[in-house]
C-alpha cells in the first residue's frame, strides 16, 4: 500500500503542477466546513437538550485538535510523502462525520467531531500547503494563498446545503451525507499530490536577488528550526493574528446586534457571510501581496490595520460601517494563513516545511481558546464588548513589533558588501 501511494516524482515525467492546485482547493473546501459548525448548534440543542456552550465546545475541540493534526500530518508527510498522509486524512475526516451522525451523547460528539474530525482536518490541511511550496518557488506566496483559500470559503458552500438538508431529513442524516461526500472528494484529491524532484525550478525561472536575500540558504530540519528564535517569533505572529480575528468570528452576530443594533437575521447573514468571503479572499490577496513586498511587511501592515479597526469598532454607528470593519478584519485573519506558509518556507527551506509549519500551525488551535473566552468573560462582567475590543486593539498594535524585528538566517550573506547585513549567520550543519 505504501508503494502504491508513493508520491515520489520522476524528473522526466513531471505532472502539471496546476492540477495539484485544483486538487488542493477542492480538498480545502471540504475541510473548511468546520467554520460552518454553527448551523448544527441549534438543531443539536433541540434534539438532545444540550446547552449552546456544550455544543459550541465541539468547535473549540475541533480547532484545537486540528493544530495537533497539522503536527502529525506535517511530520508524516516529510517521511512518507503527501499522498499517503492526505489519503489517511480523508478517511479520518469522512469517518468523523459519519460517526458524528451516530452520536447521541456529548462524549461521542466530542470524540468523533472534535477529536477525530480535528485530527483529520489538521492532517489534510497541512499536506497541500507543504506540497505546493515545493512546486511553486516562483509564486510561493500566491500559491499557498490559493491552497488555503478553499478552507476559508468552505463554510459558504456547506452551510446552506447543511441547513436545507437538516430541515428536510434531519441532523444525523446530514452528517451521514456530508461524511460520504467528504470521504470521496478528499481521498480522490489526495491522489494528485506528488513531490517534485529535489531542487526543482520551473523552466526559465531563477530567483531574484530580493528573493535570495529573503530566503534561507539551506533546508532546516524540524529540530534545527525549533532551535532558532525565528521559529518562535513566527509562531507568535500567527498566534496573535488568529487571536484577533477569531474574536470577531466567534462573536460576530451578537456583537453586530449590540454595537449597531442589527437584527439577528441581518447579523447572521451580512456579518457572518461577509467574514467568510473576506476570510477566503484575504488568504489569496495578502499572500499575493507578500510576493511583491515581502512577508514581514505584510504582517506589519495587517497588525497595524487591525489595531486601527478594533480601536474604531465600538464607536461605529451604522450597519454598513460595521460590516466593512468586520470584512477588513476577516481579510487580515485569512491573510495570516495565506502568508505564513511561505514565511516559514522562506526562513527554513521547503524540504521539511511540512513538519515545521505543522508545528507553527499549533498556534491556530491554541489561539482558538483564550480570545473567545476573554471576550465572553468581559462581556458577561461589564455588559459590553468595548473593553475586550480595546484590549485586542492594543495587542494588535504591540504585535506589529514582531514582523519588524524578525529576520532570516543565512550561512553566507547575499547582500551588497557596502550595505549593512541584517541577516543572522548560522554554522554549517554537522
Protein backbone atom coordinates (compact mmCIF):
# COMPACT_ATOMS: atom_id res chain seq x y z
CA UNK A 1 0.00 0.00 0.00
CA UNK A 2 2.81 2.41 0.85
CA UNK A 3 4.36 1.78 -2.55
CA UNK A 4 1.02 2.29 -4.28
CA UNK A 5 0.59 5.60 -2.53
CA UNK A 6 4.15 6.77 -3.16
CA UNK A 7 4.36 10.45 -4.08
CA UNK A 8 7.88 10.45 -5.49
CA UNK A 9 8.06 12.15 -8.90
CA UNK A 10 10.22 11.12 -11.84
CA UNK A 11 12.21 14.13 -13.03
CA UNK A 12 11.41 13.15 -16.62
CA UNK A 13 7.69 12.73 -16.01
CA UNK A 14 6.56 15.86 -14.21
CA UNK A 15 2.80 16.42 -13.75
CA UNK A 16 1.09 19.70 -14.48
CA UNK A 17 1.57 21.48 -11.17
CA UNK A 18 -1.69 23.42 -11.56
CA UNK A 19 -3.67 20.17 -11.28
CA UNK A 20 -2.25 19.84 -7.77
CA UNK A 21 -3.53 23.36 -7.02
CA UNK A 22 -7.04 22.40 -8.15
CA UNK A 23 -6.94 19.25 -6.03
CA UNK A 24 -5.77 21.30 -3.04
CA UNK A 25 -8.61 23.81 -3.37
CA UNK A 26 -11.25 21.06 -3.64
CA UNK A 27 -9.83 19.30 -0.61
CA UNK A 28 -9.71 22.50 1.45
CA UNK A 29 -13.31 23.37 0.57
CA UNK A 30 -14.30 20.12 2.30
CA UNK A 31 -12.07 20.65 5.32
CA UNK A 32 -13.14 24.29 5.77
CA UNK A 33 -16.71 23.23 6.51
CA UNK A 34 -15.78 23.41 10.19
CA UNK A 35 -16.34 27.19 10.07
CA UNK A 36 -20.00 26.48 9.40
CA UNK A 37 -20.39 24.46 12.61
CA UNK A 38 -22.92 26.95 13.96
CA UNK A 39 -25.52 25.59 11.51
CA UNK A 40 -25.63 22.44 13.66
CA UNK A 41 -25.76 24.23 17.01
CA UNK A 42 -29.49 24.88 17.36
CA UNK A 43 -30.62 21.54 15.83
CA UNK A 44 -28.38 19.61 18.24
CA UNK A 45 -29.62 21.69 21.18
CA UNK A 46 -33.23 20.99 20.27
CA UNK A 47 -32.71 17.29 19.54
CA UNK A 48 -30.71 16.35 22.64
CA UNK A 49 -31.36 19.19 25.10
CA UNK A 50 -27.71 20.22 25.20
CA UNK A 51 -26.76 23.82 26.00
CA UNK A 52 -25.20 26.21 23.50
CA UNK A 53 -21.93 26.15 25.46
CA UNK A 54 -21.81 22.36 25.36
CA UNK A 55 -22.40 22.21 21.60
CA UNK A 56 -20.03 25.10 20.87
CA UNK A 57 -17.24 23.31 22.75
CA UNK A 58 -17.26 20.81 19.88
CA UNK A 59 -15.98 23.56 17.55
CA UNK A 60 -13.27 24.59 20.02
CA UNK A 61 -12.09 20.99 20.35
CA UNK A 62 -12.06 20.51 16.57
CA UNK A 63 -9.88 23.59 16.06
CA UNK A 64 -7.55 22.58 18.90
CA UNK A 65 -7.08 19.06 17.56
CA UNK A 66 -6.67 20.50 14.08
CA UNK A 67 -3.48 22.04 15.44
CA UNK A 68 -2.39 18.64 16.74
CA UNK A 69 -3.26 17.07 13.39
CA UNK A 70 -1.08 19.52 11.47
CA UNK A 71 1.92 18.41 13.51
CA UNK A 72 1.18 14.72 12.91
CA UNK A 73 0.47 15.25 9.22
CA UNK A 74 3.45 17.53 8.66
CA UNK A 75 5.94 15.16 10.23
CA UNK A 76 4.48 12.10 8.48
CA UNK A 77 4.44 13.91 5.14
CA UNK A 78 8.14 14.72 5.38
CA UNK A 79 8.78 10.99 5.85
CA UNK A 80 6.16 9.22 3.72
CA UNK A 81 5.04 11.86 1.24
CA UNK A 82 1.81 13.88 0.85
CA UNK A 83 -0.37 11.36 -0.99
CA UNK A 84 -0.44 8.78 1.79
CA UNK A 85 -0.98 11.39 4.52
CA UNK A 86 -3.76 13.15 2.61
CA UNK A 87 -5.47 9.80 1.94
CA UNK A 88 -5.40 8.95 5.64
CA UNK A 89 -6.74 12.44 6.38
CA UNK A 90 -9.66 11.82 4.02
CA UNK A 91 -10.50 8.54 5.75
CA UNK A 92 -10.39 10.12 9.22
CA UNK A 93 -12.32 13.22 8.21
CA UNK A 94 -15.05 11.38 6.33
CA UNK A 95 -15.35 8.81 9.12
CA UNK A 96 -15.63 11.61 11.69
CA UNK A 97 -18.77 12.97 10.00
CA UNK A 98 -20.27 9.51 9.54
CA UNK A 99 -19.67 8.62 13.19
CA UNK A 100 -20.94 12.02 14.36
CA UNK A 101 -24.23 11.09 12.72
CA UNK A 102 -24.50 8.23 15.22
CA UNK A 103 -23.57 10.35 18.27
CA UNK A 104 -26.21 10.55 20.98
CA UNK A 105 -24.06 11.77 23.88
CA UNK A 106 -21.76 14.76 24.31
CA UNK A 107 -18.82 12.42 24.81
CA UNK A 108 -19.43 10.82 21.43
CA UNK A 109 -19.89 14.23 19.80
CA UNK A 110 -16.59 15.48 21.22
CA UNK A 111 -14.77 12.25 20.34
CA UNK A 112 -15.95 11.92 16.75
CA UNK A 113 -16.23 15.50 15.51
CA UNK A 114 -13.93 17.28 17.96
CA UNK A 115 -11.07 14.79 18.24
CA UNK A 116 -11.21 12.54 15.15
CA UNK A 117 -12.50 15.27 12.85
CA UNK A 118 -9.94 17.74 14.15
CA UNK A 119 -7.03 15.33 13.62
CA UNK A 120 -8.25 14.54 10.10
CA UNK A 121 -8.66 18.22 9.28
CA UNK A 122 -5.18 19.07 10.51
CA UNK A 123 -3.51 16.26 8.59
CA UNK A 124 -5.40 17.27 5.46
CA UNK A 125 -4.82 21.00 5.85
CA UNK A 126 -1.03 20.86 6.11
CA UNK A 127 -0.49 18.46 3.20
CA UNK A 128 -1.32 20.61 0.13
CA UNK A 129 0.30 23.67 1.71
CA UNK A 130 3.62 21.92 2.31
CA UNK A 131 3.48 20.27 -1.12
CA UNK A 132 2.74 23.34 -3.21
CA UNK A 133 5.56 25.50 -1.79
CA UNK A 134 7.91 22.94 -3.33
CA UNK A 135 6.23 23.13 -6.75
CA UNK A 136 5.96 26.94 -6.89
CA UNK A 137 9.21 28.60 -5.77
CA UNK A 138 8.36 31.34 -8.27
CA UNK A 139 4.94 32.14 -6.75
CA UNK A 140 5.38 30.89 -3.21
CA UNK A 141 3.03 33.38 -1.56
CA UNK A 142 0.24 33.37 -4.12
CA UNK A 143 0.12 29.61 -4.42
CA UNK A 144 -0.08 28.91 -0.70
CA UNK A 145 -2.79 31.56 -0.53
CA UNK A 146 -4.77 29.68 -3.17
CA UNK A 147 -4.11 26.40 -1.38
CA UNK A 148 -5.79 27.61 1.81
CA UNK A 149 -8.39 29.92 0.24
CA UNK A 150 -10.74 26.98 -0.15
CA UNK A 151 -10.59 26.37 3.58
CA UNK A 152 -11.77 29.89 4.32
CA UNK A 153 -14.64 29.56 1.85
CA UNK A 154 -15.70 26.02 2.74
CA UNK A 155 -18.44 27.12 5.14
CA UNK A 156 -20.08 29.24 2.44
CA UNK A 157 -20.81 26.12 0.41
CA UNK A 158 -21.58 23.74 3.24
CA UNK A 159 -23.76 25.94 5.48
CA UNK A 160 -26.77 26.49 3.18
CA UNK A 161 -26.66 22.87 1.96
CA UNK A 162 -26.49 21.54 5.52
CA UNK A 163 -29.24 23.86 6.74
CA UNK A 164 -31.58 22.75 3.96
CA UNK A 165 -30.74 19.08 4.47
CA UNK A 166 -31.31 19.31 8.23
CA UNK A 167 -34.76 20.80 7.62
CA UNK A 168 -35.66 18.08 5.11
CA UNK A 169 -34.03 14.95 6.50
CA UNK A 170 -32.64 15.62 9.98
CA UNK A 171 -29.30 16.27 11.66
CA UNK A 172 -27.94 12.71 11.68
CA UNK A 173 -28.78 12.17 8.02
CA UNK A 174 -26.99 15.44 7.17
CA UNK A 175 -23.81 14.26 8.88
CA UNK A 176 -24.06 10.94 7.00
CA UNK A 177 -24.44 12.69 3.64
CA UNK A 178 -21.63 15.16 4.22
CA UNK A 179 -19.37 12.41 5.53
CA UNK A 180 -19.83 10.31 2.39
CA UNK A 181 -19.11 13.28 0.11
CA UNK A 182 -16.07 14.42 2.08
CA UNK A 183 -14.66 10.89 2.25
CA UNK A 184 -14.77 10.55 -1.53
CA UNK A 185 -13.65 14.07 -2.52
CA UNK A 186 -10.71 14.29 -0.11
CA UNK A 187 -9.38 10.82 -0.96
CA UNK A 188 -9.68 11.44 -4.71
CA UNK A 189 -7.98 14.85 -4.40
CA UNK A 190 -5.18 13.26 -2.39
CA UNK A 191 -4.18 11.05 -5.33
CA UNK A 192 -2.94 14.12 -7.25
CA UNK A 193 -0.35 15.02 -4.64
CA UNK A 194 3.29 14.46 -5.54
CA UNK A 195 6.58 15.98 -4.50
CA UNK A 196 8.84 17.44 -7.20
CA UNK A 197 12.43 16.32 -7.71
CA UNK A 198 14.86 17.89 -5.27
CA UNK A 199 15.98 21.33 -6.39
CA UNK A 200 13.03 21.68 -8.78
CA UNK A 201 12.63 25.03 -10.53
CA UNK A 202 10.08 25.94 -13.21
CA UNK A 203 11.67 26.15 -16.67
CA UNK A 204 13.27 29.53 -17.25
CA UNK A 205 12.84 30.79 -13.69
CA UNK A 206 15.65 31.98 -11.45
CA UNK A 207 15.15 33.65 -8.06
CA UNK A 208 15.72 37.39 -7.93
CA UNK A 209 18.33 38.95 -5.65
CA UNK A 210 15.49 40.14 -3.41
CA UNK A 211 14.10 36.59 -3.13
CA UNK A 212 17.54 35.14 -2.42
CA UNK A 213 18.12 37.71 0.32
CA UNK A 214 14.79 36.90 2.00
CA UNK A 215 15.19 33.13 1.95
CA UNK A 216 17.25 30.65 3.92
CA UNK A 217 20.38 29.38 2.22
CA UNK A 218 19.64 25.77 3.22
CA UNK A 219 16.86 23.45 4.36
CA UNK A 220 16.43 23.20 8.12
CA UNK A 221 15.20 20.03 9.78
CA UNK A 222 12.28 20.45 12.16
CA UNK A 223 14.62 20.08 15.14
CA UNK A 224 17.03 22.69 13.78
CA UNK A 225 14.21 25.13 13.04
CA UNK A 226 12.85 24.80 16.56
CA UNK A 227 16.29 25.67 17.93
CA UNK A 228 16.09 29.16 16.39
CA UNK A 229 14.38 32.20 17.89
CA UNK A 230 12.87 32.99 14.49
CA UNK A 231 10.69 29.87 14.72
CA UNK A 232 9.05 31.12 17.90
CA UNK A 233 8.56 34.61 16.50
CA UNK A 234 6.69 33.17 13.51
CA UNK A 235 4.65 31.03 15.91
CA UNK A 236 3.79 34.12 17.97
CA UNK A 237 2.90 36.17 14.87
CA UNK A 238 0.38 33.56 13.72
CA UNK A 239 -1.00 33.09 17.25
CA UNK A 240 -1.62 36.82 17.70
CA UNK A 241 -3.13 37.31 14.23
CA UNK A 242 -5.51 34.38 14.75
CA UNK A 243 -6.42 35.60 18.26
CA UNK A 244 -7.55 38.94 16.86
CA UNK A 245 -9.60 37.54 14.01
CA UNK A 246 -11.20 34.66 15.84
CA UNK A 247 -12.54 37.05 18.48
CA UNK A 248 -14.75 38.59 15.80
CA UNK A 249 -15.57 35.25 14.17
CA UNK A 250 -16.74 33.76 17.46
CA UNK A 251 -18.95 36.75 18.40
CA UNK A 252 -19.76 38.41 15.07
CA UNK A 253 -23.53 38.05 15.21
CA UNK A 254 -24.20 39.15 18.83
CA UNK A 255 -21.56 41.88 18.51
CA UNK A 256 -23.34 43.35 15.48
CA UNK A 257 -26.63 43.26 17.37
CA UNK A 258 -25.15 45.04 20.42
CA UNK A 259 -22.93 47.65 18.74
CA UNK A 260 -25.08 48.82 15.80
CA UNK A 261 -28.46 47.29 16.59
CA UNK A 262 -28.58 44.66 13.85
CA UNK A 263 -31.36 42.12 13.86
CA UNK A 264 -30.33 38.53 14.49
CA UNK A 265 -31.11 37.57 10.89
CA UNK A 266 -29.16 40.51 9.42
CA UNK A 267 -26.19 39.86 11.66
CA UNK A 268 -26.11 36.17 10.75
CA UNK A 269 -26.34 36.88 7.04
CA UNK A 270 -24.48 40.13 6.50
CA UNK A 271 -21.69 39.85 9.07
CA UNK A 272 -21.02 36.12 9.23
CA UNK A 273 -21.31 35.75 5.45
CA UNK A 274 -19.07 38.74 4.79
CA UNK A 275 -16.38 37.48 7.16
CA UNK A 276 -16.41 34.10 5.39
CA UNK A 277 -15.97 35.71 1.97
CA UNK A 278 -13.17 38.02 3.06
CA UNK A 279 -11.50 35.31 5.12
CA UNK A 280 -11.11 33.33 1.90
CA UNK A 281 -10.18 36.37 -0.21
CA UNK A 282 -7.59 37.53 2.30
CA UNK A 283 -5.70 34.26 2.01
CA UNK A 284 -5.09 34.91 -1.67
CA UNK A 285 -4.80 38.71 -1.61
CA UNK A 286 -2.24 39.13 1.17
CA UNK A 287 -0.25 36.09 0.02
CA UNK A 288 -0.03 37.65 -3.44
CA UNK A 289 0.99 41.00 -1.96
CA UNK A 290 3.70 39.25 0.08
CA UNK A 291 5.32 38.01 -3.14
CA UNK A 292 5.77 41.64 -4.12
CA UNK A 293 6.62 43.47 -0.88
CA UNK A 294 7.71 40.66 1.46
CA UNK A 295 6.12 38.55 4.21
CA UNK A 296 7.40 40.74 7.06
CA UNK A 297 5.90 43.85 5.54
CA UNK A 298 2.52 42.16 5.02
CA UNK A 299 2.22 41.10 8.66
CA UNK A 300 3.34 44.52 9.83
CA UNK A 301 0.64 46.18 7.71
CA UNK A 302 -2.05 43.70 8.81
CA UNK A 303 -1.35 44.20 12.52
CA UNK A 304 -1.45 48.00 12.16
CA UNK A 305 -4.69 47.86 10.15
CA UNK A 306 -6.31 45.62 12.76
CA UNK A 307 -5.18 47.88 15.61
CA UNK A 308 -6.93 50.83 13.96
CA UNK A 309 -10.10 48.89 13.05
CA UNK A 310 -10.51 47.40 16.53
CA UNK A 311 -9.94 50.79 18.14
CA UNK A 312 -12.73 52.27 16.00
CA UNK A 313 -15.14 49.33 16.23
CA UNK A 314 -17.01 50.26 19.46
CA UNK A 315 -17.74 53.76 18.13
CA UNK A 316 -19.30 52.67 14.83
CA UNK A 317 -22.95 53.65 14.46
CA UNK A 318 -24.17 52.19 11.16
CA UNK A 319 -24.62 48.67 9.89
CA UNK A 320 -22.63 49.34 6.71
CA UNK A 321 -19.60 50.61 8.62
CA UNK A 322 -19.70 47.63 10.96
CA UNK A 323 -19.87 45.21 8.04
CA UNK A 324 -16.92 46.96 6.35
CA UNK A 325 -14.90 46.83 9.57
CA UNK A 326 -15.53 43.12 10.10
CA UNK A 327 -14.75 42.45 6.43
CA UNK A 328 -11.33 44.06 6.85
CA UNK A 329 -10.67 42.03 9.98
CA UNK A 330 -11.70 38.87 8.11
CA UNK A 331 -9.35 39.85 5.27
CA UNK A 332 -6.42 40.13 7.70
CA UNK A 333 -7.38 36.95 9.53
CA UNK A 334 -7.30 34.98 6.30
CA UNK A 335 -4.15 36.80 5.23
CA UNK A 336 -2.23 35.28 8.11
CA UNK A 337 -2.99 31.75 6.91
CA UNK A 338 -2.20 32.64 3.31
CA UNK A 339 1.14 34.28 4.07
CA UNK A 340 2.63 32.24 6.92
CA UNK A 341 3.37 29.03 4.94
CA UNK A 342 5.60 31.00 2.58
CA UNK A 343 7.13 32.87 5.52
CA UNK A 344 8.14 29.54 7.09
CA UNK A 345 9.42 28.17 3.78
CA UNK A 346 11.47 31.35 3.19
CA UNK A 347 13.16 31.09 6.58
CA UNK A 348 13.63 27.32 6.91
CA UNK A 349 13.53 25.92 3.36
CA UNK A 350 10.94 23.63 1.78
CA UNK A 351 12.34 20.12 2.35
CA UNK A 352 10.99 19.75 5.90
CA UNK A 353 8.39 22.51 5.80
CA UNK A 354 5.59 20.02 6.45
CA UNK A 355 6.78 19.31 9.98
CA UNK A 356 7.96 22.86 10.63
CA UNK A 357 4.78 24.60 9.51
CA UNK A 358 2.69 21.85 11.05
CA UNK A 359 4.07 22.79 14.46
CA UNK A 360 3.67 26.51 13.78
CA UNK A 361 0.00 25.82 12.99
CA UNK A 362 -0.49 24.63 16.55
CA UNK A 363 -0.72 28.38 17.21
CA UNK A 364 -4.07 28.26 15.40
CA UNK A 365 -5.52 25.69 17.76
CA UNK A 366 -4.15 27.44 20.84
CA UNK A 367 -5.43 30.86 19.72
CA UNK A 368 -8.97 29.47 19.47
CA UNK A 369 -9.09 29.16 23.26
CA UNK A 370 -8.18 32.46 25.03
CA UNK A 371 -9.63 35.08 22.69
CA UNK A 372 -13.27 33.88 22.58
CA UNK A 373 -13.16 33.18 26.33
CA UNK A 374 -11.73 36.65 27.01
CA UNK A 375 -14.42 38.49 25.12
CA UNK A 376 -17.18 36.32 26.60
CA UNK A 377 -15.93 36.89 30.16
CA UNK A 378 -15.58 40.66 29.76
CA UNK A 379 -19.00 40.87 28.09
CA UNK A 380 -20.59 38.90 30.94
CA UNK A 381 -18.99 41.07 33.62
CA UNK A 382 -19.43 44.50 32.02
CA UNK A 383 -22.41 44.01 29.71
CA UNK A 384 -20.46 45.40 26.74
CA UNK A 385 -17.82 44.26 24.26
CA UNK A 386 -15.91 47.56 24.42
CA UNK A 387 -13.25 46.58 26.95
CA UNK A 388 -12.33 43.34 25.17
CA UNK A 389 -12.19 45.09 21.79
CA UNK A 390 -9.81 47.75 23.10
CA UNK A 391 -7.58 45.04 24.60
CA UNK A 392 -7.36 43.32 21.22
CA UNK A 393 -6.58 46.67 19.56
CA UNK A 394 -3.68 47.21 21.95
CA UNK A 395 -2.41 43.66 21.44
CA UNK A 396 -2.51 44.08 17.65
CA UNK A 397 -0.51 47.30 17.92
CA UNK A 398 2.17 45.71 20.10
CA UNK A 399 2.23 42.65 17.83
CA UNK A 400 3.48 44.81 14.95
CA UNK A 401 6.89 44.78 16.64
CA UNK A 402 7.40 41.08 15.82
CA UNK A 403 7.44 41.21 12.00
CA UNK A 404 9.54 44.36 12.29
CA UNK A 405 12.35 42.61 14.21
CA UNK A 406 12.39 39.08 12.69
CA UNK A 407 15.00 38.31 10.03
CA UNK A 408 16.05 35.23 8.03
CA UNK A 409 19.03 33.07 8.88
CA UNK A 410 21.89 32.89 6.39
CA UNK A 411 25.02 30.83 6.05
CA UNK A 412 26.52 33.42 3.80
CA UNK A 413 25.46 37.00 3.23
CA UNK A 414 23.92 37.75 -0.15
CA UNK A 415 23.79 41.48 0.40
CA UNK A 416 25.98 44.15 -1.10
CA UNK A 417 29.28 44.36 0.87
CA UNK A 418 28.82 48.11 1.19
CA UNK A 419 25.36 47.67 2.74
CA UNK A 420 24.68 46.59 6.35
CA UNK A 421 23.79 42.89 6.64
CA UNK A 422 20.76 42.30 8.89
CA UNK A 423 20.66 38.52 8.48
CA UNK A 424 21.84 36.17 11.18
CA UNK A 425 24.76 33.87 10.33
CA UNK A 426 24.47 30.19 11.14
CA UNK A 427 27.09 27.46 11.08
CA UNK A 428 27.10 24.68 8.53
CA UNK A 429 25.21 21.62 9.81
CA UNK A 430 27.48 18.95 11.27
